[in-house]
Amino acid sequence: MQYFDTHAHIGLIFDDPIEQLLVCQQAKQAGVVGIVSICNSLMDFTQVYENLKTAEHVFHAVGVSPSEVQNPGKDWQRRIEDSLKLPRVVAIGEIGLDYFHRFGDRKSQIELFIDQLEMAARFDKPVIVHNREAGKDVFDILKDRMPPAGAVLHCYSEDAEYARRALDLNLYFSFAGNLTYRNARNLHETAQAVPLDRILVESEAPFMVPAEYRGKRNKPEYLPSTVDFLAQVLDLPIEEVAAATTANARRFLRLG
């Protein structure tokens, strides 16, 4: 079976370039044929991109997350635009809103989010959206400013009703290892409410480790455990869910 990890912070798993390559290779050996490397800062993006240049199954997203709103970096717009021209850079992200951690103020977060959505529209790239206790504003902004290439709500955390309303937008819904937690009933209900062709899966490594690996630092190679649990929730064969989510990722990222 083949799996596609649409969200992994490779640079946060290991600092060492050799170990970063190794963790990606181990994931490939576990059937994870594609990984999207996510970086919160542009400095991190540049370093991790260079480290993983030879890992052809690793793709990249570039953007400024809400955690960096107070210091996005000098000429950050130009740096994103230049990075989007690099091979295997397939999306803008992660971007969005985080009202839980209160990075900066809400107005600044919203402005940063909108700026990057507009950039995604200009460059015809999909976006990877972070939402932490900001569901209403995220929905309202995407409703008005959704890039033509669409978006994914990564590490989905809202309820099933929110997902039903969001289905009217050009959105995918990505589930991480927290789906496997037995008390995450809102996520189980959401997965059952969303059409299979709108579902993506992610490791969110090194965070959100699946229940099977509790106590360990999460890695992309653990993604099959999340897919297996998702298949149980949907009452479908794991082969079908793995194939569907992999095809969905390739479609969303325009990988053919």
Protein backbone atom coordinates (compact mmCIF):
# COMPACT_ATOMS: atom_id res chain seq x y z
CA MET A 1 0.00 0.00 0.00
CA GLN A 2 0.98 3.60 -0.58
CA TYR A 3 0.42 6.58 1.71
CA PHE A 4 0.91 10.33 1.33
CA ASP A 5 1.86 12.49 4.29
CA THR A 6 0.56 15.99 3.52
CA HIS A 7 2.07 17.71 6.56
CA ALA A 8 5.34 16.94 8.36
CA HIS A 9 7.74 19.30 10.11
CA ILE A 10 10.90 17.45 9.09
CA GLY A 11 13.11 20.21 10.46
CA LEU A 12 11.58 19.84 13.93
CA ILE A 13 12.09 16.07 14.04
CA PHE A 14 15.85 16.34 13.56
CA ASP A 15 18.32 19.20 13.07
CA ASP A 16 20.95 17.09 11.37
CA PRO A 17 20.64 16.93 7.54
CA ILE A 18 21.60 13.25 7.39
CA GLU A 19 18.97 12.36 9.99
CA GLN A 20 16.37 14.39 8.08
CA LEU A 21 17.10 12.41 4.93
CA LEU A 22 17.06 9.18 6.91
CA VAL A 23 13.64 9.84 8.45
CA CYS A 24 12.23 10.51 4.97
CA GLN A 25 13.79 7.32 3.63
CA GLN A 26 12.41 5.28 6.53
CA ALA A 27 8.96 6.66 5.75
CA LYS A 28 9.32 5.60 2.13
CA GLN A 29 10.23 2.10 3.23
CA ALA A 30 7.00 2.09 5.28
CA GLY A 31 4.99 2.90 2.14
CA VAL A 32 4.84 6.68 2.52
CA VAL A 33 5.53 7.58 -1.10
CA GLY A 34 5.09 11.33 -0.66
CA ILE A 35 5.72 13.86 2.11
CA VAL A 36 5.02 17.58 2.24
CA SER A 37 7.67 19.28 4.34
CA ILE A 38 6.26 22.19 6.34
CA CYS A 39 8.31 25.01 7.83
CA ASN A 40 6.99 27.78 10.06
CA SER A 41 9.68 30.31 9.20
CA LEU A 42 11.36 31.21 5.93
CA MET A 43 14.77 30.62 7.47
CA ASP A 44 13.77 27.08 8.35
CA PHE A 45 12.36 26.56 4.86
CA THR A 46 15.63 27.50 3.16
CA GLN A 47 17.69 25.15 5.32
CA VAL A 48 15.36 22.14 5.17
CA TYR A 49 14.83 22.57 1.43
CA GLU A 50 18.58 22.39 0.86
CA ASN A 51 18.92 19.40 3.19
CA LEU A 52 16.24 17.41 1.35
CA LYS A 53 17.10 18.32 -2.24
CA THR A 54 17.97 14.72 -3.09
CA ALA A 55 14.77 13.27 -1.53
CA GLU A 56 12.60 13.27 -4.63
CA HIS A 57 9.51 11.98 -2.81
CA VAL A 58 9.58 15.03 -0.50
CA PHE A 59 7.67 18.12 -1.61
CA HIS A 60 7.63 21.49 0.10
CA ALA A 61 5.28 24.22 1.25
CA VAL A 62 6.54 27.72 1.91
CA GLY A 63 4.88 30.46 3.90
CA VAL A 64 4.75 32.41 7.14
CA SER A 65 2.70 30.83 9.91
CA PRO A 66 0.77 32.89 12.48
CA SER A 67 3.48 32.09 15.02
CA GLU A 68 5.83 34.34 13.01
CA VAL A 69 3.42 37.26 12.61
CA GLN A 70 5.54 39.62 14.70
CA ASN A 71 8.72 38.81 12.77
CA PRO A 72 8.01 37.36 9.31
CA GLY A 73 11.48 38.33 8.12
CA LYS A 74 12.89 40.96 5.80
CA ASP A 75 11.36 40.98 2.30
CA TRP A 76 9.22 37.98 3.24
CA GLN A 77 6.84 38.39 0.31
CA ARG A 78 9.68 38.35 -2.21
CA ARG A 79 11.29 35.36 -0.49
CA ILE A 80 8.07 33.37 -0.75
CA GLU A 81 7.65 34.34 -4.40
CA ASP A 82 11.22 33.27 -5.20
CA SER A 83 10.76 29.99 -3.30
CA LEU A 84 7.60 29.14 -5.24
CA LYS A 85 9.74 28.92 -8.38
CA LEU A 86 11.89 26.14 -6.92
CA PRO A 87 11.37 22.48 -7.91
CA ARG A 88 8.89 20.48 -5.79
CA VAL A 89 7.54 23.56 -3.96
CA VAL A 90 3.85 22.77 -4.31
CA ALA A 91 1.88 24.92 -1.85
CA ILE A 92 1.82 27.99 0.37
CA GLY A 93 1.70 27.09 4.03
CA GLU A 94 1.22 26.65 6.68
CA ILE A 95 -0.69 29.88 7.00
CA GLY A 96 -3.78 30.83 8.96
CA LEU A 97 -4.93 32.00 12.35
CA ASP A 98 -4.10 30.94 15.89
CA TYR A 99 -6.08 32.62 18.66
CA PHE A 100 -5.09 30.04 21.26
CA HIS A 101 -1.46 31.14 21.47
CA ARG A 102 -2.27 34.81 20.82
CA PHE A 103 0.61 35.43 18.48
CA GLY A 104 0.68 39.19 18.00
CA ASP A 105 -2.82 40.61 17.66
CA ARG A 106 -5.75 39.28 15.66
CA LYS A 107 -5.66 42.12 13.14
CA SER A 108 -2.02 41.40 12.27
CA GLN A 109 -2.68 37.66 11.96
CA ILE A 110 -5.63 38.29 9.64
CA GLU A 111 -3.63 40.67 7.46
CA LEU A 112 -0.78 38.15 7.16
CA PHE A 113 -3.25 35.38 6.30
CA ILE A 114 -5.00 37.44 3.62
CA ASP A 115 -1.73 38.62 2.09
CA GLN A 116 -0.65 35.02 1.57
CA LEU A 117 -4.04 33.92 0.25
CA GLU A 118 -3.77 36.66 -2.36
CA MET A 119 -0.26 35.48 -3.19
CA ALA A 120 -1.58 31.94 -3.63
CA ALA A 121 -4.19 33.25 -6.07
CA ARG A 122 -1.53 35.10 -8.09
CA PHE A 123 0.74 32.07 -8.27
CA ASP A 124 -2.10 29.55 -8.60
CA LYS A 125 -0.98 27.47 -5.62
CA PRO A 126 -3.07 25.62 -3.03
CA VAL A 127 -2.77 26.66 0.60
CA ILE A 128 -2.30 24.70 3.81
CA VAL A 129 -4.36 26.32 6.55
CA HIS A 130 -3.67 26.37 10.28
CA ASN A 131 -6.71 26.99 12.49
CA ARG A 132 -6.49 27.07 16.28
CA GLU A 133 -9.60 28.40 17.99
CA ALA A 134 -10.20 30.75 15.06
CA GLY A 135 -12.75 28.75 13.12
CA LYS A 136 -15.24 31.52 12.38
CA ASP A 137 -12.65 33.97 11.05
CA VAL A 138 -10.89 31.25 9.04
CA PHE A 139 -14.20 30.23 7.45
CA ASP A 140 -15.30 33.79 6.70
CA ILE A 141 -11.95 34.72 5.15
CA LEU A 142 -11.76 31.59 3.01
CA LYS A 143 -15.35 32.07 1.90
CA ASP A 144 -14.40 35.44 0.41
CA ARG A 145 -10.77 34.83 -0.58
CA MET A 146 -10.35 31.15 -1.43
CA PRO A 147 -7.52 30.76 -3.96
CA PRO A 148 -8.62 29.02 -7.18
CA ALA A 149 -6.27 26.10 -6.41
CA GLY A 150 -8.08 25.46 -3.13
CA ALA A 151 -7.02 24.81 0.43
CA VAL A 152 -6.76 22.15 3.11
CA LEU A 153 -7.71 22.56 6.76
CA HIS A 154 -4.76 20.74 8.21
CA CYS A 155 -4.91 18.76 11.46
CA TYR A 156 -8.66 19.27 11.45
CA SER A 157 -10.00 20.31 14.85
CA GLU A 158 -13.52 21.67 14.29
CA ASP A 159 -16.72 19.61 14.49
CA ALA A 160 -18.73 17.80 11.83
CA GLU A 161 -21.19 20.68 11.35
CA TYR A 162 -18.34 23.05 10.56
CA ALA A 163 -17.05 20.55 7.99
CA ARG A 164 -20.48 20.23 6.38
CA ARG A 165 -20.62 24.01 5.88
CA ALA A 166 -17.03 24.09 4.65
CA LEU A 167 -17.81 21.47 1.99
CA ASP A 168 -19.34 24.27 -0.05
CA LEU A 169 -15.85 25.75 -0.36
CA ASN A 170 -12.99 24.27 -2.36
CA LEU A 171 -11.58 22.59 0.74
CA TYR A 172 -9.95 19.36 1.78
CA PHE A 173 -9.87 18.09 5.36
CA SER A 174 -6.70 16.54 6.75
CA PHE A 175 -6.60 14.21 9.74
CA ALA A 176 -3.55 13.58 11.90
CA GLY A 177 -2.62 11.14 14.65
CA ASN A 178 -5.07 12.68 17.12
CA LEU A 179 -7.80 11.02 15.07
CA THR A 180 -6.67 7.75 16.68
CA TYR A 181 -7.40 8.94 20.21
CA ARG A 182 -10.48 7.16 21.47
CA ASN A 183 -11.91 10.32 23.04
CA ALA A 184 -11.67 12.31 19.78
CA ARG A 185 -15.28 11.61 18.89
CA ASN A 186 -15.75 14.95 17.15
CA LEU A 187 -13.01 13.96 14.69
CA HIS A 188 -14.50 10.50 14.17
CA GLU A 189 -17.90 12.06 13.43
CA THR A 190 -16.31 14.56 11.06
CA ALA A 191 -14.46 11.87 9.13
CA GLN A 192 -17.77 10.04 8.67
CA ALA A 193 -19.47 13.24 7.49
CA VAL A 194 -16.88 14.19 4.86
CA PRO A 195 -16.79 12.52 1.42
CA LEU A 196 -13.76 10.27 1.03
CA ASP A 197 -12.55 12.29 -1.96
CA ARG A 198 -12.11 15.34 0.31
CA ILE A 199 -9.99 13.59 2.97
CA LEU A 200 -6.22 13.88 3.33
CA VAL A 201 -3.97 12.41 6.00
CA GLU A 202 -0.88 13.81 7.68
CA SER A 203 1.60 12.90 10.35
CA GLU A 204 2.01 16.47 11.72
CA ALA A 205 5.35 15.04 12.88
CA PRO A 206 6.91 15.42 15.37
CA PHE A 207 3.55 16.20 17.00
CA MET A 208 0.22 14.32 17.19
CA VAL A 209 1.74 10.86 17.41
CA PRO A 210 -0.83 8.09 16.78
CA ALA A 211 -2.08 6.27 19.88
CA GLU A 212 -0.17 3.14 18.87
CA TYR A 213 3.11 5.03 19.31
CA ARG A 214 2.27 7.15 22.35
CA GLY A 215 5.40 8.22 24.19
CA LYS A 216 7.50 8.44 21.02
CA ARG A 217 8.36 11.41 18.85
CA ASN A 218 6.13 11.25 15.81
CA LYS A 219 7.57 10.46 12.38
CA PRO A 220 6.06 10.18 8.89
CA GLU A 221 6.66 6.43 8.94
CA TYR A 222 3.89 6.14 11.56
CA LEU A 223 1.27 7.49 9.13
CA PRO A 224 -0.07 4.01 8.22
CA SER A 225 -1.37 3.70 11.80
CA THR A 226 -3.55 6.79 11.31
CA VAL A 227 -4.81 5.53 7.96
CA ASP A 228 -5.66 2.16 9.49
CA PHE A 229 -7.72 3.86 12.22
CA LEU A 230 -9.40 6.10 9.66
CA ALA A 231 -10.41 3.01 7.69
CA GLN A 232 -11.97 1.55 10.84
CA VAL A 233 -13.91 4.77 11.47
CA LEU A 234 -15.19 4.76 7.88
CA ASP A 235 -15.82 0.99 7.91
CA LEU A 236 -13.82 0.62 4.70
CA PRO A 237 -10.85 -1.57 3.75
CA ILE A 238 -7.55 0.10 4.58
CA GLU A 239 -6.42 -0.52 0.99
CA GLU A 240 -9.28 1.64 -0.29
CA VAL A 241 -8.65 4.45 2.19
CA ALA A 242 -4.89 4.46 1.57
CA ALA A 243 -5.39 4.58 -2.19
CA ALA A 244 -8.05 7.30 -1.97
CA THR A 245 -6.13 9.60 0.37
CA THR A 246 -2.97 9.22 -1.71
CA ALA A 247 -4.88 10.05 -4.90
CA ASN A 248 -6.53 13.00 -3.14
CA ALA A 249 -3.14 14.37 -2.09
CA ARG A 250 -1.78 14.13 -5.60
CA ARG A 251 -4.86 15.86 -6.98
CA PHE A 252 -4.78 18.62 -4.38
CA LEU A 253 -1.06 19.25 -4.92
CA ARG A 254 -1.36 18.87 -8.71
CA LEU A 255 1.18 16.10 -8.92
CA GLY A 256 -0.62 14.17 -11.65
